[in-house]
Amino acid sequence: MYWSDTPFWQDYAEKSIRTDDHISLQQVRADRNRRIQVLSNHGLLTIGAGKLVPENLHRSMINMKIQAIDTYQGQFVYLTDGAVVNNAWAGHYFIESDVTDANFWAGQ
């Protein structure tokens, strides 16, 4: 299958500085509120004062082993080592999983 890349005009870019050379960036997503989250080998990061800083918005997620992030209906959804979870929809989106080594997921 052939994929044709379509050029586009990017009106705006916000540069962020990685402050630690030992951080490996894995995935980047933005939600409907334009919040940006970055999955790294050190957990979730966000942009703060032009730098990548730990994401501490949801304390319940700090100790979770997040393996992948994506968005669904404009909300962040996280794949952990035991479930697919999110913090939107009043926390009703929780699907247990026994897949422990996944690094991405797909949903409809």
Protein backbone atom coordinates (compact mmCIF):
# COMPACT_ATOMS: atom_id res chain seq x y z
CA MET A 1 0.00 0.00 0.00
CA TYR A 2 1.32 3.42 -0.95
CA TRP A 3 0.95 6.40 1.39
CA SER A 4 1.04 9.90 -0.04
CA ASP A 5 2.21 12.52 2.41
CA THR A 6 0.32 15.80 2.13
CA PRO A 7 2.24 19.00 2.96
CA PHE A 8 0.59 21.52 5.28
CA TRP A 9 1.32 24.96 6.69
CA GLN A 10 2.19 24.99 10.37
CA ASP A 11 1.16 28.36 11.78
CA TYR A 12 2.57 27.89 15.24
CA ALA A 13 5.20 25.83 17.02
CA GLU A 14 6.17 25.78 20.67
CA LYS A 15 9.67 24.58 21.35
CA SER A 16 10.38 22.64 24.51
CA ILE A 17 13.77 21.83 25.91
CA ARG A 18 14.60 18.35 27.10
CA THR A 19 16.56 19.04 30.29
CA ASP A 20 17.90 15.51 30.79
CA ASP A 21 19.83 13.66 28.08
CA HIS A 22 18.88 10.33 29.71
CA ILE A 23 15.18 10.80 28.93
CA SER A 24 13.93 8.81 25.96
CA LEU A 25 10.81 10.35 24.39
CA GLN A 26 8.34 7.75 23.13
CA GLN A 27 4.94 9.31 22.32
CA VAL A 28 3.38 12.77 22.16
CA ARG A 29 -0.35 13.54 22.25
CA ALA A 30 -2.56 16.62 22.63
CA ASP A 31 -6.12 16.61 23.96
CA ARG A 32 -9.06 18.79 22.93
CA ASN A 33 -7.91 21.48 25.39
CA ARG A 34 -4.50 21.59 23.67
CA ARG A 35 -2.78 20.08 26.69
CA ILE A 36 0.30 18.20 25.60
CA GLN A 37 1.54 15.04 27.25
CA VAL A 38 4.74 13.21 26.41
CA LEU A 39 5.38 9.60 27.34
CA SER A 40 9.00 8.95 28.22
CA ASN A 41 11.07 6.28 29.91
CA HIS A 42 10.64 8.41 33.07
CA GLY A 43 6.83 8.48 32.88
CA LEU A 44 4.45 11.18 31.69
CA LEU A 45 5.79 14.64 31.01
CA THR A 46 4.12 17.91 30.11
CA ILE A 47 5.32 21.33 29.03
CA GLY A 48 5.98 23.82 31.80
CA ALA A 49 7.85 27.10 31.31
CA GLY A 50 9.22 25.86 27.98
CA LYS A 51 10.65 22.68 29.49
CA LEU A 52 9.47 19.10 29.76
CA VAL A 53 8.48 18.50 33.38
CA PRO A 54 6.78 15.58 35.17
CA GLU A 55 2.99 15.48 34.74
CA ASN A 56 1.50 15.70 38.23
CA LEU A 57 -2.08 16.74 37.42
CA HIS A 58 -3.59 13.40 38.44
CA ARG A 59 -1.89 12.04 41.54
CA SER A 60 -3.55 8.66 41.17
CA MET A 61 -1.56 8.10 37.97
CA ILE A 62 1.89 8.93 39.32
CA ASN A 63 2.69 5.32 40.31
CA MET A 64 1.04 3.71 37.26
CA LYS A 65 3.32 2.08 34.70
CA ILE A 66 2.00 3.83 31.60
CA GLN A 67 3.07 2.05 28.43
CA ALA A 68 1.19 4.07 25.79
CA ILE A 69 -1.01 7.16 25.43
CA ASP A 70 -3.53 8.15 22.83
CA THR A 71 -6.64 10.29 22.56
CA TYR A 72 -10.25 9.25 22.15
CA GLN A 73 -12.99 11.82 21.63
CA GLY A 74 -10.45 14.50 22.53
CA GLN A 75 -9.50 12.94 25.90
CA PHE A 76 -6.27 11.25 26.93
CA VAL A 77 -6.47 7.47 27.28
CA TYR A 78 -3.62 5.49 28.83
CA LEU A 79 -2.51 1.90 28.43
CA THR A 80 -0.92 0.62 31.64
CA ASP A 81 0.53 -2.76 32.47
CA GLY A 82 -2.90 -3.87 33.72
CA ALA A 83 -5.64 -1.77 32.11
CA VAL A 84 -6.74 0.89 29.66
CA VAL A 85 -7.78 3.93 31.74
CA ASN A 86 -8.52 7.62 31.54
CA ASN A 87 -9.50 10.51 33.78
CA ALA A 88 -12.40 11.83 31.70
CA TRP A 89 -15.99 10.62 31.65
CA ALA A 90 -16.00 10.57 35.46
CA GLY A 91 -13.47 7.74 35.47
CA HIS A 92 -15.90 5.26 33.88
CA TYR A 93 -13.43 4.22 31.20
CA PHE A 94 -11.47 1.36 32.78
CA ILE A 95 -10.82 -1.88 30.92
CA GLU A 96 -8.67 -4.50 32.62
CA SER A 97 -6.03 -6.18 30.49
CA ASP A 98 -3.56 -8.98 31.02
CA VAL A 99 -1.26 -7.76 28.25
CA THR A 100 1.87 -6.58 30.05
CA ASP A 101 4.31 -5.75 27.26
CA ALA A 102 2.23 -3.69 24.83
CA ASN A 103 3.53 -0.30 23.65
CA PHE A 104 0.51 0.94 21.69
CA TRP A 105 -3.23 0.41 21.46
CA ALA A 106 -6.02 1.22 19.06
CA GLY A 107 -9.71 1.81 19.67
CA GLN A 108 -12.85 2.87 17.87
